[in-house]
């Protein structure tokens, strides 16, 4: 997957979890939790969807690396390259 495809996949997952949320104006360098008012359950839902849809396991120790859209892409790019 390309960086753009990874970004679209993340935004799609967030839109599924927060249908009332608007991801169109997400700043890729600001924390997703702050921009979209994600709580810890929403964040866990994102992690679970990554595992369910793409087979990607994100260890709890790596959760801080998923704070922004940009950091998500950097973290996921090597893991999703072959998808």
PDB file of N, CA and C in Angstrom:
ATOM      1  N   UNK A   1       0.837  -1.189   0.000  1.00  0.00           N
ATOM      2  CA  UNK A   1       0.000   0.000   0.000  1.00  0.00           C
ATOM      3  C   UNK A   1       0.880   1.251   0.000  1.00  0.00           C
ATOM      4  N   UNK A   2       0.404   2.253  -0.689  1.00  0.00           N
ATOM      5  CA  UNK A   2       1.114   3.528  -0.703  1.00  0.00           C
ATOM      6  C   UNK A   2       0.742   4.323   0.549  1.00  0.00           C
ATOM      7  N   UNK A   3       1.467   5.388   0.782  1.00  0.00           N
ATOM      8  CA  UNK A   3       1.163   6.264   1.931  1.00  0.00           C
ATOM      9  C   UNK A   3      -0.261   6.818   1.824  1.00  0.00           C
ATOM     10  N   UNK A   4      -0.665   7.166   0.618  1.00  0.00           N
ATOM     11  CA  UNK A   4      -2.009   7.714   0.410  1.00  0.00           C
ATOM     12  C   UNK A   4      -3.077   6.662   0.707  1.00  0.00           C
ATOM     13  N   UNK A   5      -2.822   5.425   0.304  1.00  0.00           N
ATOM     14  CA  UNK A   5      -3.768   4.342   0.569  1.00  0.00           C
ATOM     15  C   UNK A   5      -3.850   4.035   2.064  1.00  0.00           C
ATOM     16  N   UNK A   6      -2.716   4.103   2.740  1.00  0.00           N
ATOM     17  CA  UNK A   6      -2.706   3.884   4.190  1.00  0.00           C
ATOM     18  C   UNK A   6      -3.490   4.988   4.880  1.00  0.00           C
ATOM     19  N   UNK A   7      -3.262   6.225   4.457  1.00  0.00           N
ATOM     20  CA  UNK A   7      -4.001   7.353   5.025  1.00  0.00           C
ATOM     21  C   UNK A   7      -5.506   7.166   4.812  1.00  0.00           C
ATOM     22  N   UNK A   8      -5.901   6.792   3.607  1.00  0.00           N
ATOM     23  CA  UNK A   8      -7.322   6.575   3.306  1.00  0.00           C
ATOM     24  C   UNK A   8      -7.887   5.436   4.144  1.00  0.00           C
ATOM     25  N   UNK A   9      -7.095   4.377   4.357  1.00  0.00           N
ATOM     26  CA  UNK A   9      -7.553   3.240   5.170  1.00  0.00           C
ATOM     27  C   UNK A   9      -7.785   3.676   6.613  1.00  0.00           C
ATOM     28  N   UNK A  10      -6.878   4.464   7.153  1.00  0.00           N
ATOM     29  CA  UNK A  10      -7.012   4.943   8.539  1.00  0.00           C
ATOM     30  C   UNK A  10      -8.243   5.835   8.665  1.00  0.00           C
ATOM     31  N   UNK A  11      -8.401   6.746   7.725  1.00  0.00           N
ATOM     32  CA  UNK A  11      -9.558   7.652   7.766  1.00  0.00           C
ATOM     33  C   UNK A  11     -10.857   6.865   7.610  1.00  0.00           C
ATOM     34  N   UNK A  12     -10.856   5.855   6.767  1.00  0.00           N
ATOM     35  CA  UNK A  12     -12.043   5.015   6.601  1.00  0.00           C
ATOM     36  C   UNK A  12     -12.402   4.312   7.910  1.00  0.00           C
ATOM     37  N   UNK A  13     -11.396   3.784   8.585  1.00  0.00           N
ATOM     38  CA  UNK A  13     -11.639   3.117   9.876  1.00  0.00           C
ATOM     39  C   UNK A  13     -12.203   4.113  10.882  1.00  0.00           C
ATOM     40  N   UNK A  14     -11.624   5.298  10.944  1.00  0.00           N
ATOM     41  CA  UNK A  14     -12.113   6.315  11.888  1.00  0.00           C
ATOM     42  C   UNK A  14     -13.544   6.709  11.544  1.00  0.00           C
ATOM     43  N   UNK A  15     -13.844   6.883  10.264  1.00  0.00           N
ATOM     44  CA  UNK A  15     -15.208   7.237   9.855  1.00  0.00           C
ATOM     45  C   UNK A  15     -16.205   6.152  10.223  1.00  0.00           C
ATOM     46  N   UNK A  16     -15.783   4.881  10.154  1.00  0.00           N
ATOM     47  CA  UNK A  16     -16.659   3.779  10.554  1.00  0.00           C
ATOM     48  C   UNK A  16     -16.939   3.819  12.048  1.00  0.00           C
ATOM     49  N   UNK A  17     -15.928   4.181  12.818  1.00  0.00           N
ATOM     50  CA  UNK A  17     -16.061   4.209  14.275  1.00  0.00           C
ATOM     51  C   UNK A  17     -16.812   5.465  14.738  1.00  0.00           C
ATOM     52  N   UNK A  18     -16.534   6.580  14.095  1.00  0.00           N
ATOM     53  CA  UNK A  18     -17.162   7.856  14.453  1.00  0.00           C
ATOM     54  C   UNK A  18     -17.911   8.418  13.249  1.00  0.00           C
ATOM     55  N   UNK A  19     -19.040   7.837  12.892  1.00  0.00           N
ATOM     56  CA  UNK A  19     -19.734   8.306  11.687  1.00  0.00           C
ATOM     57  C   UNK A  19     -20.111   9.781  11.745  1.00  0.00           C
ATOM     58  N   UNK A  20     -20.261  10.334  12.949  1.00  0.00           N
ATOM     59  CA  UNK A  20     -20.600  11.748  13.058  1.00  0.00           C
ATOM     60  C   UNK A  20     -19.357  12.629  12.971  1.00  0.00           C
ATOM     61  N   UNK A  21     -18.187  12.017  13.037  1.00  0.00           N
ATOM     62  CA  UNK A  21     -16.935  12.768  12.942  1.00  0.00           C
ATOM     63  C   UNK A  21     -16.630  13.136  11.504  1.00  0.00           C
ATOM     64  N   UNK A  22     -15.920  14.235  11.336  1.00  0.00           N
ATOM     65  CA  UNK A  22     -15.538  14.685  10.003  1.00  0.00           C
ATOM     66  C   UNK A  22     -14.021  14.645   9.899  1.00  0.00           C
ATOM     67  N   UNK A  23     -13.513  13.710   9.132  1.00  0.00           N
ATOM     68  CA  UNK A  23     -12.065  13.540   8.994  1.00  0.00           C
ATOM     69  C   UNK A  23     -11.500  14.334   7.825  1.00  0.00           C
ATOM     70  N   UNK A  24     -12.333  15.049   7.094  1.00  0.00           N
ATOM     71  CA  UNK A  24     -11.852  15.738   5.898  1.00  0.00           C
ATOM     72  C   UNK A  24     -10.847  16.838   6.224  1.00  0.00           C
ATOM     73  N   UNK A  25     -10.955  17.430   7.388  1.00  0.00           N
ATOM     74  CA  UNK A  25     -10.051  18.520   7.745  1.00  0.00           C
ATOM     75  C   UNK A  25      -8.995  18.133   8.756  1.00  0.00           C
ATOM     76  N   UNK A  26      -8.705  16.855   8.857  1.00  0.00           N
ATOM     77  CA  UNK A  26      -7.734  16.388   9.842  1.00  0.00           C
ATOM     78  C   UNK A  26      -6.338  16.905   9.498  1.00  0.00           C
ATOM     79  N   UNK A  27      -5.710  17.527  10.472  1.00  0.00           N
ATOM     80  CA  UNK A  27      -4.317  17.954  10.319  1.00  0.00           C
ATOM     81  C   UNK A  27      -3.457  16.731  10.591  1.00  0.00           C
ATOM     82  N   UNK A  28      -2.660  16.288   9.621  1.00  0.00           N
ATOM     83  CA  UNK A  28      -1.902  15.051   9.786  1.00  0.00           C
ATOM     84  C   UNK A  28      -0.856  15.098  10.896  1.00  0.00           C
ATOM     85  N   UNK A  29      -0.516  16.297  11.370  1.00  0.00           N
ATOM     86  CA  UNK A  29       0.529  16.422  12.382  1.00  0.00           C
ATOM     87  C   UNK A  29       0.002  16.733  13.779  1.00  0.00           C
ATOM     88  N   UNK A  30      -1.311  16.800  13.925  1.00  0.00           N
ATOM     89  CA  UNK A  30      -1.906  17.030  15.248  1.00  0.00           C
ATOM     90  C   UNK A  30      -2.518  15.739  15.755  1.00  0.00           C
ATOM     91  N   UNK A  31      -2.578  15.583  17.065  1.00  0.00           N
ATOM     92  CA  UNK A  31      -3.101  14.358  17.661  1.00  0.00           C
ATOM     93  C   UNK A  31      -4.543  14.109  17.226  1.00  0.00           C
ATOM     94  N   UNK A  32      -4.782  12.884  16.777  1.00  0.00           N
ATOM     95  CA  UNK A  32      -6.128  12.497  16.339  1.00  0.00           C
ATOM     96  C   UNK A  32      -7.127  12.587  17.486  1.00  0.00           C
ATOM     97  N   UNK A  33      -6.692  12.178  18.663  1.00  0.00           N
ATOM     98  CA  UNK A  33      -7.610  12.205  19.823  1.00  0.00           C
ATOM     99  C   UNK A  33      -8.140  13.601  20.081  1.00  0.00           C
ATOM    100  N   UNK A  34      -7.270  14.606  19.955  1.00  0.00           N
ATOM    101  CA  UNK A  34      -7.676  15.985  20.218  1.00  0.00           C
ATOM    102  C   UNK A  34      -8.571  16.524  19.101  1.00  0.00           C
ATOM    103  N   UNK A  35      -8.238  16.204  17.877  1.00  0.00           N
ATOM    104  CA  UNK A  35      -8.998  16.737  16.737  1.00  0.00           C
ATOM    105  C   UNK A  35     -10.379  16.121  16.612  1.00  0.00           C
ATOM    106  N   UNK A  36     -10.469  14.830  16.909  1.00  0.00           N
ATOM    107  CA  UNK A  36     -11.717  14.102  16.663  1.00  0.00           C
ATOM    108  C   UNK A  36     -12.428  13.686  17.936  1.00  0.00           C
ATOM    109  N   UNK A  37     -11.898  14.137  19.068  1.00  0.00           N
ATOM    110  CA  UNK A  37     -12.471  13.798  20.375  1.00  0.00           C
ATOM    111  C   UNK A  37     -12.616  12.291  20.552  1.00  0.00           C
ATOM    112  N   UNK A  38     -11.546  11.571  20.201  1.00  0.00           N
ATOM    113  CA  UNK A  38     -11.531  10.114  20.382  1.00  0.00           C
ATOM    114  C   UNK A  38     -11.279   9.793  21.846  1.00  0.00           C
ATOM    115  N   UNK A  39     -12.052   8.871  22.388  1.00  0.00           N
ATOM    116  CA  UNK A  39     -11.746   8.404  23.737  1.00  0.00           C
ATOM    117  C   UNK A  39     -10.926   7.123  23.625  1.00  0.00           C
ATOM    118  N   UNK A  40     -10.544   6.562  24.750  1.00  0.00           N
ATOM    119  CA  UNK A  40      -9.671   5.374  24.712  1.00  0.00           C
ATOM    120  C   UNK A  40     -10.361   4.179  24.060  1.00  0.00           C
ATOM    121  N   UNK A  41     -11.659   4.049  24.204  1.00  0.00           N
ATOM    122  CA  UNK A  41     -12.374   2.945  23.544  1.00  0.00           C
ATOM    123  C   UNK A  41     -12.370   3.129  22.021  1.00  0.00           C
ATOM    124  N   UNK A  42     -12.549   4.357  21.566  1.00  0.00           N
ATOM    125  CA  UNK A  42     -12.487   4.629  20.127  1.00  0.00           C
ATOM    126  C   UNK A  42     -11.102   4.256  19.588  1.00  0.00           C
ATOM    127  N   UNK A  43     -10.073   4.637  20.330  1.00  0.00           N
ATOM    128  CA  UNK A  43      -8.709   4.335  19.907  1.00  0.00           C
ATOM    129  C   UNK A  43      -8.493   2.820  19.823  1.00  0.00           C
ATOM    130  N   UNK A  44      -8.973   2.100  20.828  1.00  0.00           N
ATOM    131  CA  UNK A  44      -8.854   0.637  20.805  1.00  0.00           C
ATOM    132  C   UNK A  44      -9.628   0.041  19.637  1.00  0.00           C
ATOM    133  N   UNK A  45     -10.770   0.626  19.314  1.00  0.00           N
ATOM    134  CA  UNK A  45     -11.544   0.160  18.153  1.00  0.00           C
ATOM    135  C   UNK A  45     -10.736   0.322  16.863  1.00  0.00           C
ATOM    136  N   UNK A  46      -9.986   1.409  16.752  1.00  0.00           N
ATOM    137  CA  UNK A  46      -9.137   1.627  15.577  1.00  0.00           C
ATOM    138  C   UNK A  46      -8.082   0.532  15.491  1.00  0.00           C
ATOM    139  N   UNK A  47      -7.435   0.261  16.612  1.00  0.00           N
ATOM    140  CA  UNK A  47      -6.406  -0.781  16.658  1.00  0.00           C
ATOM    141  C   UNK A  47      -7.006  -2.146  16.296  1.00  0.00           C
ATOM    142  N   UNK A  48      -8.193  -2.440  16.814  1.00  0.00           N
ATOM    143  CA  UNK A  48      -8.845  -3.719  16.522  1.00  0.00           C
ATOM    144  C   UNK A  48      -9.219  -3.825  15.038  1.00  0.00           C
ATOM    145  N   UNK A  49      -9.661  -2.743  14.446  1.00  0.00           N
ATOM    146  CA  UNK A  49     -10.012  -2.747  13.024  1.00  0.00           C
ATOM    147  C   UNK A  49      -8.781  -2.955  12.153  1.00  0.00           C
ATOM    148  N   UNK A  50      -7.655  -2.375  12.565  1.00  0.00           N
ATOM    149  CA  UNK A  50      -6.409  -2.605  11.820  1.00  0.00           C
ATOM    150  C   UNK A  50      -6.067  -4.093  11.819  1.00  0.00           C
ATOM    151  N   UNK A  51      -6.282  -4.725  12.958  1.00  0.00           N
ATOM    152  CA  UNK A  51      -5.996  -6.161  13.044  1.00  0.00           C
ATOM    153  C   UNK A  51      -6.996  -6.954  12.204  1.00  0.00           C
ATOM    154  N   UNK A  52      -8.279  -6.603  12.319  1.00  0.00           N
ATOM    155  CA  UNK A  52      -9.323  -7.356  11.623  1.00  0.00           C
ATOM    156  C   UNK A  52      -9.223  -7.191  10.100  1.00  0.00           C
ATOM    157  N   UNK A  53      -9.052  -5.965   9.635  1.00  0.00           N
ATOM    158  CA  UNK A  53      -9.054  -5.701   8.196  1.00  0.00           C
ATOM    159  C   UNK A  53      -7.724  -6.029   7.516  1.00  0.00           C
ATOM    160  N   UNK A  54      -6.618  -5.807   8.233  1.00  0.00           N
ATOM    161  CA  UNK A  54      -5.309  -5.899   7.588  1.00  0.00           C
ATOM    162  C   UNK A  54      -4.350  -6.883   8.250  1.00  0.00           C
ATOM    163  N   UNK A  55      -4.772  -7.523   9.341  1.00  0.00           N
ATOM    164  CA  UNK A  55      -3.917  -8.487  10.018  1.00  0.00           C
ATOM    165  C   UNK A  55      -2.727  -7.867  10.727  1.00  0.00           C
ATOM    166  N   UNK A  56      -2.857  -6.594  11.094  1.00  0.00           N
ATOM    167  CA  UNK A  56      -1.748  -5.884  11.731  1.00  0.00           C
ATOM    168  C   UNK A  56      -1.943  -5.859  13.236  1.00  0.00           C
ATOM    169  N   UNK A  57      -0.994  -6.441  13.941  1.00  0.00           N
ATOM    170  CA  UNK A  57      -0.997  -6.421  15.400  1.00  0.00           C
ATOM    171  C   UNK A  57      -0.220  -5.201  15.870  1.00  0.00           C
ATOM    172  N   UNK A  58      -0.844  -4.385  16.692  1.00  0.00           N
ATOM    173  CA  UNK A  58      -0.168  -3.220  17.252  1.00  0.00           C
ATOM    174  C   UNK A  58      -0.025  -3.456  18.750  1.00  0.00           C
ATOM    175  N   UNK A  59       1.204  -3.715  19.217  1.00  0.00           N
ATOM    176  CA  UNK A  59       1.404  -3.916  20.649  1.00  0.00           C
ATOM    177  C   UNK A  59       1.074  -2.640  21.427  1.00  0.00           C
ATOM    178  N   UNK A  60       0.580  -2.811  22.626  1.00  0.00           N
ATOM    179  CA  UNK A  60       0.189  -1.659  23.444  1.00  0.00           C
ATOM    180  C   UNK A  60       1.328  -0.657  23.601  1.00  0.00           C
ATOM    181  N   UNK A  61       2.548  -1.143  23.673  1.00  0.00           N
ATOM    182  CA  UNK A  61       3.710  -0.260  23.813  1.00  0.00           C
ATOM    183  C   UNK A  61       3.874   0.670  22.607  1.00  0.00           C
ATOM    184  N   UNK A  62       3.292   0.285  21.461  1.00  0.00           N
ATOM    185  CA  UNK A  62       3.403   1.096  20.241  1.00  0.00           C
ATOM    186  C   UNK A  62       2.246   2.078  20.056  1.00  0.00           C
ATOM    187  N   UNK A  63       1.259   2.054  20.913  1.00  0.00           N
ATOM    188  CA  UNK A  63       0.100   2.938  20.760  1.00  0.00           C
ATOM    189  C   UNK A  63       0.492   4.412  20.606  1.00  0.00           C
ATOM    190  N   UNK A  64       1.488   4.926  21.359  1.00  0.00           N
ATOM    191  CA  UNK A  64       1.855   6.336  21.181  1.00  0.00           C
ATOM    192  C   UNK A  64       2.298   6.677  19.756  1.00  0.00           C
ATOM    193  N   UNK A  65       2.750   5.688  19.009  1.00  0.00           N
ATOM    194  CA  UNK A  65       3.186   5.928  17.639  1.00  0.00           C
ATOM    195  C   UNK A  65       2.003   6.121  16.686  1.00  0.00           C
ATOM    196  N   UNK A  66       0.792   5.941  17.193  1.00  0.00           N
ATOM    197  CA  UNK A  66      -0.415   6.130  16.384  1.00  0.00           C
ATOM    198  C   UNK A  66      -1.154   7.410  16.765  1.00  0.00           C
ATOM    199  N   UNK A  67      -0.448   8.357  17.344  1.00  0.00           N
ATOM    200  CA  UNK A  67      -1.085   9.566  17.856  1.00  0.00           C
ATOM    201  C   UNK A  67      -1.607  10.495  16.762  1.00  0.00           C
ATOM    202  N   UNK A  68      -0.842  10.650  15.688  1.00  0.00           N
ATOM    203  CA  UNK A  68      -1.250  11.543  14.600  1.00  0.00           C
ATOM    204  C   UNK A  68      -1.435  10.721  13.323  1.00  0.00           C
ATOM    205  N   UNK A  69      -2.083  11.307  12.354  1.00  0.00           N
ATOM    206  CA  UNK A  69      -2.246  10.611  11.073  1.00  0.00           C
ATOM    207  C   UNK A  69      -0.871  10.361  10.448  1.00  0.00           C
ATOM    208  N   UNK A  70       0.011  11.350  10.511  1.00  0.00           N
ATOM    209  CA  UNK A  70       1.357  11.179   9.948  1.00  0.00           C
ATOM    210  C   UNK A  70       2.118  10.061  10.639  1.00  0.00           C
ATOM    211  N   UNK A  71       2.054  10.022  11.970  1.00  0.00           N
ATOM    212  CA  UNK A  71       2.791   8.979  12.694  1.00  0.00           C
ATOM    213  C   UNK A  71       2.168   7.598  12.446  1.00  0.00           C
ATOM    214  N   UNK A  72       0.859   7.542  12.251  1.00  0.00           N
ATOM    215  CA  UNK A  72       0.206   6.274  11.894  1.00  0.00           C
ATOM    216  C   UNK A  72       0.749   5.762  10.569  1.00  0.00           C
ATOM    217  N   UNK A  73       0.852   6.646   9.601  1.00  0.00           N
ATOM    218  CA  UNK A  73       1.330   6.255   8.273  1.00  0.00           C
ATOM    219  C   UNK A  73       2.769   5.752   8.369  1.00  0.00           C
ATOM    220  N   UNK A  74       3.614   6.482   9.090  1.00  0.00           N
ATOM    221  CA  UNK A  74       5.019   6.074   9.247  1.00  0.00           C
ATOM    222  C   UNK A  74       5.098   4.712   9.926  1.00  0.00           C
ATOM    223  N   UNK A  75       4.293   4.512  10.962  1.00  0.00           N
ATOM    224  CA  UNK A  75       4.301   3.234  11.700  1.00  0.00           C
ATOM    225  C   UNK A  75       3.779   2.087  10.834  1.00  0.00           C
ATOM    226  N   UNK A  76       2.703   2.337  10.114  1.00  0.00           N
ATOM    227  CA  UNK A  76       2.041   1.263   9.367  1.00  0.00           C
ATOM    228  C   UNK A  76       2.658   0.976   7.994  1.00  0.00           C
ATOM    229  N   UNK A  77       3.361   1.924   7.429  1.00  0.00           N
ATOM    230  CA  UNK A  77       3.877   1.760   6.065  1.00  0.00           C
ATOM    231  C   UNK A  77       4.683   0.468   5.880  1.00  0.00           C
ATOM    232  N   UNK A  78       5.683   0.159   6.720  1.00  0.00           N
ATOM    233  CA  UNK A  78       6.420  -1.089   6.490  1.00  0.00           C
ATOM    234  C   UNK A  78       5.560  -2.338   6.728  1.00  0.00           C
ATOM    235  N   UNK A  79       4.540  -2.213   7.567  1.00  0.00           N
ATOM    236  CA  UNK A  79       3.680  -3.354   7.894  1.00  0.00           C
ATOM    237  C   UNK A  79       2.628  -3.605   6.820  1.00  0.00           C
ATOM    238  N   UNK A  80       2.307  -2.558   6.053  1.00  0.00           N
ATOM    239  CA  UNK A  80       1.247  -2.675   5.042  1.00  0.00           C
ATOM    240  C   UNK A  80       1.807  -2.643   3.616  1.00  0.00           C
ATOM    241  N   UNK A  81       3.103  -2.612   3.488  1.00  0.00           N
ATOM    242  CA  UNK A  81       3.739  -2.501   2.175  1.00  0.00           C
ATOM    243  C   UNK A  81       3.288  -3.594   1.211  1.00  0.00           C
ATOM    244  N   UNK A  82       3.161  -4.797   1.703  1.00  0.00           N
ATOM    245  CA  UNK A  82       2.818  -5.923   0.821  1.00  0.00           C
ATOM    246  C   UNK A  82       1.319  -6.107   0.618  1.00  0.00           C
ATOM    247  N   UNK A  83       0.506  -5.274   1.218  1.00  0.00           N
ATOM    248  CA  UNK A  83      -0.953  -5.423   1.086  1.00  0.00           C
ATOM    249  C   UNK A  83      -1.464  -4.767  -0.177  1.00  0.00           C
TER     250      UNK A  83
END
